[in-house]
Amino acid sequence: MVYEKVSEFNSKQIVEMARKFFKKRGLELEESSDTQLDFKGEGGFVIIRCKGRGRDNTIGVELETKEWGKPVKKFMRKI
């Protein structure tokens, strides 16, 4: 499942928040960059991608998941 969210946080803040949030839930960080994190664990995955900043100073965030929909939705409310 793929979700999209617009956030007022910058990509660095979103990446750090995601790193802490999903690590606490037992996911392993497989790959990371300044704008993307790839987590795997318990038969599923979460990929978070920060897109370019809009004119209104917001940032687009794409969250792709398998088996982790509920935690992804919870994280989306935080950002």
Protein backbone atom coordinates (compact mmCIF):
# COMPACT_ATOMS: atom_id res chain seq x y z
CA MET A 1 0.00 0.00 0.00
CA VAL A 2 1.25 3.50 -0.81
CA TYR A 3 0.24 6.56 1.20
CA GLU A 4 1.03 10.22 0.62
CA LYS A 5 1.19 13.03 3.11
CA VAL A 6 2.07 16.72 3.03
CA SER A 7 4.12 17.85 6.02
CA GLU A 8 5.46 21.11 7.38
CA PHE A 9 8.54 19.32 8.75
CA ASN A 10 11.67 19.32 6.57
CA SER A 11 13.10 16.10 5.13
CA LYS A 12 15.87 15.89 7.76
CA GLN A 13 13.30 16.07 10.56
CA ILE A 14 11.03 13.51 8.91
CA VAL A 15 13.89 11.06 8.34
CA GLU A 16 15.02 11.35 11.97
CA MET A 17 11.47 10.97 13.30
CA ALA A 18 10.91 7.90 11.11
CA ARG A 19 14.22 6.34 12.16
CA LYS A 20 13.24 6.55 15.84
CA PHE A 21 9.57 5.64 15.33
CA PHE A 22 10.08 2.46 13.30
CA LYS A 23 13.19 1.30 15.16
CA LYS A 24 11.14 1.26 18.39
CA ARG A 25 8.71 -1.07 16.64
CA GLY A 26 11.42 -3.59 15.76
CA LEU A 27 12.03 -2.81 12.09
CA GLU A 28 15.58 -3.06 10.75
CA LEU A 29 16.94 -0.12 8.75
CA GLU A 30 18.14 -1.58 5.44
CA GLU A 31 19.07 1.58 3.53
CA SER A 32 19.04 5.29 4.20
CA SER A 33 19.76 8.65 2.61
CA ASP A 34 18.91 12.26 3.37
CA THR A 35 15.46 11.80 1.84
CA GLN A 36 14.64 8.09 2.07
CA LEU A 37 14.59 5.25 4.60
CA ASP A 38 13.97 1.57 3.84
CA PHE A 39 12.96 -0.65 6.77
CA LYS A 40 12.31 -4.41 6.81
CA GLY A 41 11.03 -6.79 9.42
CA GLU A 42 8.45 -9.37 10.44
CA GLY A 43 7.54 -10.27 6.85
CA GLY A 44 6.97 -6.72 5.66
CA PHE A 45 8.59 -3.40 4.93
CA VAL A 46 8.24 0.38 5.16
CA ILE A 47 9.80 2.81 2.70
CA ILE A 48 9.64 6.53 3.38
CA ARG A 49 10.49 9.00 0.61
CA CYS A 50 10.59 12.78 1.05
CA LYS A 51 9.69 14.67 -2.10
CA GLY A 52 10.50 18.28 -3.07
CA ARG A 53 9.34 21.28 -1.12
CA GLY A 54 6.24 23.08 -2.38
CA ARG A 55 5.62 26.80 -2.79
CA ASP A 56 3.89 26.89 0.58
CA ASN A 57 7.05 25.49 2.24
CA THR A 58 5.54 22.04 2.79
CA ILE A 59 7.14 18.75 1.77
CA GLY A 60 5.54 15.73 0.17
CA VAL A 61 6.11 12.38 1.84
CA GLU A 62 5.41 9.01 0.23
CA LEU A 63 5.07 6.02 2.54
CA GLU A 64 5.02 2.54 1.02
CA THR A 65 4.33 -0.49 3.18
CA LYS A 66 3.47 -4.15 3.34
CA GLU A 67 2.16 -5.56 6.64
CA TRP A 68 2.84 -2.30 8.53
CA GLY A 69 -0.18 -0.20 7.56
CA LYS A 70 -1.36 0.59 11.08
CA PRO A 71 2.03 1.92 12.32
CA VAL A 72 2.49 3.85 9.05
CA LYS A 73 -0.87 5.56 9.56
CA LYS A 74 0.13 6.42 13.13
CA PHE A 75 3.43 7.88 11.91
CA MET A 76 1.60 9.92 9.28
CA ARG A 77 -0.40 11.61 12.04
CA LYS A 78 2.87 12.61 13.75
CA ILE A 79 4.31 14.31 10.71
